[in-house]
Amino acid sequence: ELEPKSVIQELEEDINSSIAIGRNVGLVGHSIGGYYAAYMAEKYRLPVILINPLVKAYDSLFLNSVLEDSPDSELIKIQLQELETATTDPDSVMVMLQKKDLLQDYQQAIDYYKDCNQIILNGGKHCFDGLADWVQAMTGFFNRHYK
């Protein structure tokens, strides 16, 4: 298990090195990766696509089941709580949700990201069924951001 602080450190290194060589950086995060991506996007002012993201990762059923027997569960939850951040540039955030995601309540993400671009689909599941059908829309979102 990687502690959230370690994950963030690794992401910062990748983002900083990409920015240093002049690349346009956009983030895509799914589930807990969406939680991390939202934090990094806010910190670095980057466009981000969140796919069935955890909203309050430190208090999610999904995380609780993963960490059930972990001796580090409290430390991980505290570190995750420290990463919770509000979105100050809703135009740079696209949220993609499927209502049949059984690992989290999609309504939480709708409410939390209410001012952001949202794609909300009936059906699906946590892994986001049919994601390949959305690649063009996702690419378009990033292209519009960097024009």
N, C-alpha and C. Protein backbone atom coordinates (compact mmCIF):
# COMPACT_ATOMS: atom_id res chain seq x y z
N GLU A 1 0.84 -1.19 0.00
CA GLU A 1 0.00 0.00 0.00
C GLU A 1 0.88 1.24 0.00
N LEU A 2 0.52 2.18 -0.82
CA LEU A 2 1.26 3.43 -0.84
C LEU A 2 0.52 4.48 -0.02
N GLU A 3 1.23 5.14 0.84
CA GLU A 3 0.63 6.23 1.59
C GLU A 3 0.30 7.35 0.63
N PRO A 4 -0.81 8.06 0.87
CA PRO A 4 -1.19 9.16 -0.01
C PRO A 4 -0.07 10.18 -0.22
N LYS A 5 0.70 10.49 0.82
CA LYS A 5 1.79 11.46 0.65
C LYS A 5 2.81 10.98 -0.38
N SER A 6 3.07 9.68 -0.41
CA SER A 6 4.00 9.12 -1.40
C SER A 6 3.43 9.21 -2.80
N VAL A 7 2.15 8.94 -2.93
CA VAL A 7 1.48 9.03 -4.24
C VAL A 7 1.57 10.47 -4.76
N ILE A 8 1.28 11.42 -3.90
CA ILE A 8 1.31 12.83 -4.29
C ILE A 8 2.72 13.24 -4.70
N GLN A 9 3.72 12.79 -3.94
CA GLN A 9 5.12 13.11 -4.29
C GLN A 9 5.47 12.61 -5.68
N GLU A 10 5.05 11.39 -5.99
CA GLU A 10 5.34 10.81 -7.29
C GLU A 10 4.63 11.58 -8.40
N LEU A 11 3.37 11.94 -8.17
CA LEU A 11 2.62 12.71 -9.16
C LEU A 11 3.26 14.08 -9.37
N GLU A 12 3.70 14.72 -8.30
CA GLU A 12 4.35 16.03 -8.42
C GLU A 12 5.62 15.94 -9.27
N GLU A 13 6.40 14.90 -9.07
CA GLU A 13 7.61 14.72 -9.87
C GLU A 13 7.27 14.59 -11.35
N ASP A 14 6.25 13.77 -11.66
CA ASP A 14 5.85 13.57 -13.06
C ASP A 14 5.33 14.87 -13.67
N ILE A 15 4.48 15.57 -12.94
CA ILE A 15 3.90 16.82 -13.45
C ILE A 15 5.00 17.86 -13.65
N ASN A 16 5.85 18.04 -12.65
CA ASN A 16 6.92 19.05 -12.75
C ASN A 16 7.87 18.76 -13.91
N SER A 17 8.22 17.48 -14.10
CA SER A 17 9.14 17.18 -15.20
C SER A 17 8.48 17.39 -16.56
N SER A 18 7.19 17.11 -16.68
CA SER A 18 6.48 17.35 -17.94
C SER A 18 6.34 18.84 -18.23
N ILE A 19 6.02 19.62 -17.20
CA ILE A 19 5.90 21.07 -17.38
C ILE A 19 7.27 21.67 -17.74
N ALA A 20 8.33 21.15 -17.10
CA ALA A 20 9.68 21.68 -17.34
C ALA A 20 10.13 21.53 -18.79
N ILE A 21 9.64 20.50 -19.47
CA ILE A 21 10.03 20.32 -20.88
C ILE A 21 8.97 20.87 -21.84
N GLY A 22 8.03 21.63 -21.29
CA GLY A 22 7.09 22.37 -22.14
C GLY A 22 5.85 21.61 -22.57
N ARG A 23 5.56 20.51 -21.96
CA ARG A 23 4.36 19.76 -22.33
C ARG A 23 3.10 20.38 -21.73
N ASN A 24 2.01 20.31 -22.47
CA ASN A 24 0.70 20.62 -21.91
C ASN A 24 0.29 19.42 -21.07
N VAL A 25 -0.07 19.66 -19.83
CA VAL A 25 -0.41 18.57 -18.92
C VAL A 25 -1.89 18.61 -18.60
N GLY A 26 -2.54 17.46 -18.74
CA GLY A 26 -3.92 17.27 -18.33
C GLY A 26 -3.96 15.98 -17.53
N LEU A 27 -4.86 15.92 -16.59
CA LEU A 27 -4.94 14.75 -15.72
C LEU A 27 -6.25 14.00 -15.94
N VAL A 28 -6.18 12.69 -15.81
CA VAL A 28 -7.37 11.83 -15.81
C VAL A 28 -7.25 10.93 -14.60
N GLY A 29 -8.28 10.90 -13.80
CA GLY A 29 -8.24 10.05 -12.61
C GLY A 29 -9.55 9.31 -12.42
N HIS A 30 -9.44 8.07 -12.01
CA HIS A 30 -10.60 7.21 -11.79
C HIS A 30 -10.62 6.77 -10.33
N SER A 31 -11.78 6.77 -9.71
CA SER A 31 -11.97 6.29 -8.35
C SER A 31 -11.09 7.09 -7.39
N ILE A 32 -10.23 6.43 -6.62
CA ILE A 32 -9.36 7.19 -5.71
C ILE A 32 -8.35 8.01 -6.53
N GLY A 33 -8.03 7.54 -7.72
CA GLY A 33 -7.17 8.32 -8.62
C GLY A 33 -7.82 9.64 -8.99
N GLY A 34 -9.15 9.66 -9.05
CA GLY A 34 -9.88 10.90 -9.30
C GLY A 34 -9.74 11.87 -8.14
N TYR A 35 -9.71 11.32 -6.95
CA TYR A 35 -9.52 12.15 -5.74
C TYR A 35 -8.14 12.80 -5.79
N TYR A 36 -7.12 12.00 -6.11
CA TYR A 36 -5.75 12.53 -6.23
C TYR A 36 -5.67 13.54 -7.38
N ALA A 37 -6.27 13.21 -8.51
CA ALA A 37 -6.21 14.09 -9.69
C ALA A 37 -6.87 15.43 -9.41
N ALA A 38 -7.98 15.43 -8.68
CA ALA A 38 -8.66 16.68 -8.34
C ALA A 38 -7.75 17.57 -7.50
N TYR A 39 -7.05 16.97 -6.56
CA TYR A 39 -6.12 17.71 -5.71
C TYR A 39 -4.98 18.29 -6.56
N MET A 40 -4.38 17.46 -7.40
CA MET A 40 -3.25 17.90 -8.21
C MET A 40 -3.68 18.97 -9.23
N ALA A 41 -4.85 18.81 -9.81
CA ALA A 41 -5.34 19.78 -10.79
C ALA A 41 -5.51 21.15 -10.14
N GLU A 42 -6.04 21.16 -8.93
CA GLU A 42 -6.22 22.42 -8.22
C GLU A 42 -4.86 23.03 -7.85
N LYS A 43 -3.96 22.23 -7.38
CA LYS A 43 -2.64 22.71 -6.96
C LYS A 43 -1.84 23.30 -8.13
N TYR A 44 -1.92 22.62 -9.29
CA TYR A 44 -1.11 23.03 -10.44
C TYR A 44 -1.91 23.78 -11.51
N ARG A 45 -3.19 24.03 -11.24
CA ARG A 45 -4.06 24.73 -12.21
C ARG A 45 -4.10 23.99 -13.53
N LEU A 46 -4.41 22.70 -13.49
CA LEU A 46 -4.44 21.86 -14.68
C LEU A 46 -5.86 21.42 -15.00
N PRO A 47 -6.14 21.15 -16.27
CA PRO A 47 -7.44 20.56 -16.61
C PRO A 47 -7.45 19.11 -16.15
N VAL A 48 -8.63 18.65 -15.76
CA VAL A 48 -8.73 17.28 -15.23
C VAL A 48 -10.05 16.65 -15.62
N ILE A 49 -10.00 15.36 -15.91
CA ILE A 49 -11.20 14.56 -16.13
C ILE A 49 -11.26 13.54 -15.00
N LEU A 50 -12.37 13.56 -14.28
CA LEU A 50 -12.57 12.66 -13.14
C LEU A 50 -13.62 11.62 -13.52
N ILE A 51 -13.24 10.36 -13.47
CA ILE A 51 -14.13 9.27 -13.88
C ILE A 51 -14.57 8.49 -12.64
N ASN A 52 -15.87 8.53 -12.37
CA ASN A 52 -16.41 7.92 -11.15
C ASN A 52 -15.48 8.17 -9.95
N PRO A 53 -15.19 9.46 -9.68
CA PRO A 53 -14.21 9.77 -8.63
C PRO A 53 -14.78 9.58 -7.23
N LEU A 54 -13.91 9.21 -6.31
CA LEU A 54 -14.29 9.23 -4.91
C LEU A 54 -14.30 10.69 -4.50
N VAL A 55 -15.29 11.09 -3.72
CA VAL A 55 -15.38 12.49 -3.30
C VAL A 55 -14.73 12.67 -1.94
N LYS A 56 -15.18 11.98 -0.97
CA LYS A 56 -14.56 12.02 0.36
C LYS A 56 -13.87 10.68 0.56
N ALA A 57 -12.74 10.53 -0.11
CA ALA A 57 -12.05 9.23 -0.15
C ALA A 57 -11.78 8.67 1.24
N TYR A 58 -11.45 9.54 2.16
CA TYR A 58 -11.12 9.11 3.53
C TYR A 58 -12.30 8.50 4.26
N ASP A 59 -13.50 8.70 3.73
CA ASP A 59 -14.71 8.21 4.40
C ASP A 59 -15.54 7.33 3.47
N SER A 60 -14.92 6.76 2.45
CA SER A 60 -15.69 5.99 1.47
C SER A 60 -15.79 4.52 1.87
N LEU A 61 -16.90 3.91 1.51
CA LEU A 61 -17.08 2.47 1.74
C LEU A 61 -16.00 1.69 1.01
N PHE A 62 -15.68 2.16 -0.19
CA PHE A 62 -14.66 1.50 -1.00
C PHE A 62 -13.33 1.46 -0.26
N LEU A 63 -12.89 2.60 0.23
CA LEU A 63 -11.61 2.64 0.93
C LEU A 63 -11.66 1.83 2.23
N ASN A 64 -12.76 1.94 2.95
CA ASN A 64 -12.88 1.19 4.19
C ASN A 64 -12.76 -0.31 3.95
N SER A 65 -13.30 -0.79 2.85
CA SER A 65 -13.20 -2.23 2.55
C SER A 65 -11.77 -2.61 2.16
N VAL A 66 -11.08 -1.73 1.46
CA VAL A 66 -9.70 -1.99 1.05
C VAL A 66 -8.76 -1.98 2.26
N LEU A 67 -9.01 -1.06 3.18
CA LEU A 67 -8.12 -0.88 4.32
C LEU A 67 -8.53 -1.67 5.56
N GLU A 68 -9.55 -2.49 5.42
CA GLU A 68 -10.18 -3.15 6.56
C GLU A 68 -9.19 -3.67 7.61
N ASP A 69 -8.18 -4.39 7.19
CA ASP A 69 -7.25 -4.99 8.14
C ASP A 69 -5.88 -4.32 8.15
N SER A 70 -5.77 -3.15 7.56
CA SER A 70 -4.47 -2.49 7.46
C SER A 70 -4.12 -1.77 8.75
N PRO A 71 -2.90 -1.98 9.23
CA PRO A 71 -2.47 -1.24 10.43
C PRO A 71 -2.29 0.26 10.15
N ASP A 72 -2.17 0.62 8.88
CA ASP A 72 -1.96 2.03 8.50
C ASP A 72 -3.25 2.75 8.15
N SER A 73 -4.40 2.13 8.38
CA SER A 73 -5.65 2.71 7.88
C SER A 73 -5.93 4.11 8.43
N GLU A 74 -5.65 4.35 9.68
CA GLU A 74 -5.92 5.69 10.24
C GLU A 74 -4.98 6.74 9.64
N LEU A 75 -3.71 6.39 9.49
CA LEU A 75 -2.74 7.30 8.89
C LEU A 75 -3.15 7.65 7.45
N ILE A 76 -3.55 6.64 6.70
CA ILE A 76 -3.97 6.85 5.31
C ILE A 76 -5.20 7.74 5.25
N LYS A 77 -6.16 7.50 6.13
CA LYS A 77 -7.37 8.33 6.15
C LYS A 77 -7.05 9.78 6.49
N ILE A 78 -6.14 9.99 7.44
CA ILE A 78 -5.75 11.36 7.81
C ILE A 78 -5.06 12.06 6.63
N GLN A 79 -4.15 11.34 5.98
CA GLN A 79 -3.46 11.93 4.83
C GLN A 79 -4.44 12.23 3.70
N LEU A 80 -5.41 11.36 3.49
CA LEU A 80 -6.41 11.61 2.45
C LEU A 80 -7.27 12.82 2.79
N GLN A 81 -7.62 12.94 4.05
CA GLN A 81 -8.45 14.08 4.46
C GLN A 81 -7.71 15.40 4.22
N GLU A 82 -6.40 15.40 4.41
CA GLU A 82 -5.60 16.60 4.17
C GLU A 82 -5.58 17.00 2.70
N LEU A 83 -5.89 16.07 1.81
CA LEU A 83 -5.88 16.35 0.37
C LEU A 83 -7.23 16.86 -0.15
N GLU A 84 -8.24 16.83 0.69
CA GLU A 84 -9.55 17.29 0.22
C GLU A 84 -9.46 18.76 -0.17
N THR A 85 -9.96 19.06 -1.35
CA THR A 85 -9.82 20.42 -1.86
C THR A 85 -11.06 20.82 -2.66
N ALA A 86 -11.38 22.08 -2.61
CA ALA A 86 -12.49 22.60 -3.41
C ALA A 86 -11.97 22.98 -4.79
N THR A 87 -12.83 22.92 -5.77
CA THR A 87 -12.47 23.30 -7.14
C THR A 87 -12.73 24.79 -7.33
N THR A 88 -11.68 25.54 -7.67
CA THR A 88 -11.86 26.98 -7.87
C THR A 88 -12.02 27.35 -9.35
N ASP A 89 -11.75 26.40 -10.25
CA ASP A 89 -11.91 26.65 -11.68
C ASP A 89 -12.75 25.53 -12.29
N PRO A 90 -14.08 25.59 -12.09
CA PRO A 90 -14.94 24.50 -12.54
C PRO A 90 -14.91 24.23 -14.04
N ASP A 91 -14.53 25.23 -14.84
CA ASP A 91 -14.46 25.02 -16.29
C ASP A 91 -13.32 24.09 -16.68
N SER A 92 -12.35 23.90 -15.78
CA SER A 92 -11.22 23.03 -16.09
C SER A 92 -11.44 21.60 -15.58
N VAL A 93 -12.66 21.30 -15.13
CA VAL A 93 -12.96 19.98 -14.59
C VAL A 93 -14.12 19.34 -15.35
N MET A 94 -13.91 18.12 -15.83
CA MET A 94 -14.97 17.32 -16.41
C MET A 94 -15.17 16.09 -15.52
N VAL A 95 -16.40 15.83 -15.14
CA VAL A 95 -16.71 14.69 -14.29
C VAL A 95 -17.57 13.73 -15.09
N MET A 96 -17.15 12.48 -15.15
CA MET A 96 -17.88 11.44 -15.87
C MET A 96 -18.38 10.40 -14.87
N LEU A 97 -19.68 10.23 -14.82
CA LEU A 97 -20.28 9.35 -13.83
C LEU A 97 -21.23 8.34 -14.46
N GLN A 98 -21.27 7.16 -13.89
CA GLN A 98 -22.28 6.17 -14.27
C GLN A 98 -23.09 5.82 -13.03
N LYS A 99 -24.40 5.87 -13.18
CA LYS A 99 -25.30 5.75 -12.04
C LYS A 99 -25.31 4.37 -11.38
N LYS A 100 -24.88 3.35 -12.09
CA LYS A 100 -24.89 2.00 -11.50
C LYS A 100 -23.56 1.64 -10.84
N ASP A 101 -22.76 2.65 -10.55
CA ASP A 101 -21.52 2.44 -9.81
C ASP A 101 -21.92 2.04 -8.39
N LEU A 102 -21.67 0.80 -8.03
CA LEU A 102 -22.09 0.29 -6.73
C LEU A 102 -21.07 0.54 -5.63
N LEU A 103 -19.90 1.03 -5.97
CA LEU A 103 -18.87 1.24 -4.95
C LEU A 103 -18.93 2.63 -4.33
N GLN A 104 -19.74 3.48 -4.88
CA GLN A 104 -19.87 4.83 -4.33
C GLN A 104 -21.19 5.44 -4.77
N ASP A 105 -21.58 6.49 -4.11
CA ASP A 105 -22.82 7.19 -4.43
C ASP A 105 -22.51 8.28 -5.46
N TYR A 106 -22.93 8.05 -6.71
CA TYR A 106 -22.65 9.03 -7.77
C TYR A 106 -23.23 10.40 -7.45
N GLN A 107 -24.31 10.45 -6.67
CA GLN A 107 -24.95 11.72 -6.34
C GLN A 107 -24.00 12.63 -5.56
N GLN A 108 -23.13 12.02 -4.77
CA GLN A 108 -22.14 12.79 -4.01
C GLN A 108 -21.24 13.58 -4.97
N ALA A 109 -20.82 12.94 -6.05
CA ALA A 109 -19.96 13.61 -7.03
C ALA A 109 -20.74 14.68 -7.79
N ILE A 110 -22.00 14.40 -8.12
CA ILE A 110 -22.83 15.41 -8.80
C ILE A 110 -22.91 16.67 -7.95
N ASP A 111 -23.16 16.49 -6.66
CA ASP A 111 -23.30 17.63 -5.76
C ASP A 111 -21.97 18.35 -5.54
N TYR A 112 -20.92 17.59 -5.32
CA TYR A 112 -19.61 18.16 -5.01
C TYR A 112 -19.05 18.96 -6.19
N TYR A 113 -19.27 18.43 -7.40
CA TYR A 113 -18.75 19.07 -8.61
C TYR A 113 -19.87 19.74 -9.41
N LYS A 114 -20.84 20.32 -8.70
CA LYS A 114 -22.06 20.83 -9.33
C LYS A 114 -21.82 21.90 -10.39
N ASP A 115 -20.78 22.68 -10.27
CA ASP A 115 -20.51 23.75 -11.23
C ASP A 115 -19.60 23.32 -12.37
N CYS A 116 -19.15 22.07 -12.35
CA CYS A 116 -18.22 21.57 -13.35
C CYS A 116 -18.96 20.93 -14.53
N ASN A 117 -18.23 20.68 -15.61
CA ASN A 117 -18.78 19.94 -16.74
C ASN A 117 -19.08 18.53 -16.25
N GLN A 118 -20.28 18.03 -16.51
CA GLN A 118 -20.64 16.69 -16.04
C GLN A 118 -21.26 15.87 -17.17
N ILE A 119 -20.84 14.62 -17.21
CA ILE A 119 -21.47 13.62 -18.08
C ILE A 119 -22.00 12.56 -17.14
N ILE A 120 -23.31 12.41 -17.11
CA ILE A 120 -23.94 11.48 -16.18
C ILE A 120 -24.74 10.47 -17.00
N LEU A 121 -24.36 9.22 -16.88
CA LEU A 121 -24.99 8.17 -17.68
C LEU A 121 -25.73 7.18 -16.81
N ASN A 122 -26.88 6.74 -17.30
CA ASN A 122 -27.59 5.65 -16.64
C ASN A 122 -26.79 4.38 -16.84
N GLY A 123 -26.97 3.42 -15.97
CA GLY A 123 -26.29 2.13 -16.13
C GLY A 123 -24.83 2.22 -15.76
N GLY A 124 -24.04 1.32 -16.36
CA GLY A 124 -22.60 1.30 -16.13
C GLY A 124 -22.22 0.65 -14.82
N LYS A 125 -20.97 0.86 -14.44
CA LYS A 125 -20.46 0.38 -13.16
C LYS A 125 -19.21 1.17 -12.80
N HIS A 126 -18.58 0.81 -11.70
CA HIS A 126 -17.47 1.62 -11.18
C HIS A 126 -16.33 1.75 -12.19
N CYS A 127 -16.06 0.72 -12.96
CA CYS A 127 -14.95 0.79 -13.93
C CYS A 127 -15.27 1.69 -15.12
N PHE A 128 -16.48 2.16 -15.24
CA PHE A 128 -17.00 3.02 -16.30
C PHE A 128 -17.07 2.27 -17.63
N ASP A 129 -18.18 1.59 -17.82
CA ASP A 129 -18.43 0.85 -19.06
C ASP A 129 -18.36 1.77 -20.27
N GLY A 130 -17.75 1.29 -21.33
CA GLY A 130 -17.73 2.01 -22.61
C GLY A 130 -16.86 3.24 -22.63
N LEU A 131 -15.84 3.29 -21.80
CA LEU A 131 -14.99 4.47 -21.73
C LEU A 131 -14.36 4.81 -23.09
N ALA A 132 -14.03 3.78 -23.85
CA ALA A 132 -13.40 4.01 -25.16
C ALA A 132 -14.29 4.87 -26.07
N ASP A 133 -15.60 4.81 -25.88
CA ASP A 133 -16.52 5.62 -26.68
C ASP A 133 -16.41 7.11 -26.36
N TRP A 134 -15.75 7.44 -25.28
CA TRP A 134 -15.66 8.82 -24.82
C TRP A 134 -14.29 9.46 -25.06
N VAL A 135 -13.37 8.73 -25.67
CA VAL A 135 -12.01 9.24 -25.86
C VAL A 135 -12.01 10.54 -26.67
N GLN A 136 -12.82 10.61 -27.71
CA GLN A 136 -12.86 11.83 -28.53
C GLN A 136 -13.34 13.03 -27.72
N ALA A 137 -14.38 12.84 -26.91
CA ALA A 137 -14.89 13.93 -26.07
C ALA A 137 -13.85 14.35 -25.04
N MET A 138 -13.13 13.37 -24.50
CA MET A 138 -12.10 13.66 -23.50
C MET A 138 -10.95 14.44 -24.13
N THR A 139 -10.52 14.00 -25.30
CA THR A 139 -9.45 14.69 -26.01
C THR A 139 -9.88 16.11 -26.36
N GLY A 140 -11.12 16.26 -26.79
CA GLY A 140 -11.66 17.58 -27.11
C GLY A 140 -11.66 18.52 -25.92
N PHE A 141 -11.97 17.98 -24.76
CA PHE A 141 -11.96 18.77 -23.52
C PHE A 141 -10.56 19.34 -23.26
N PHE A 142 -9.55 18.49 -23.38
CA PHE A 142 -8.18 18.97 -23.16
C PHE A 142 -7.74 19.94 -24.26
N ASN A 143 -8.09 19.64 -25.51
CA ASN A 143 -7.72 20.53 -26.62
C ASN A 143 -8.31 21.92 -26.44
N ARG A 144 -9.57 21.98 -26.01
CA ARG A 144 -10.21 23.30 -25.79
C ARG A 144 -9.49 24.06 -24.68
N HIS A 145 -9.03 23.34 -23.69
CA HIS A 145 -8.36 23.99 -22.56
C HIS A 145 -7.03 24.63 -22.98
N TYR A 146 -6.35 23.99 -23.92
CA TYR A 146 -5.01 24.47 -24.30
C TYR A 146 -4.99 25.30 -25.58
N LYS A 147 -6.16 25.66 -26.10
CA LYS A 147 -6.17 26.52 -27.30
C LYS A 147 -6.03 27.96 -26.93
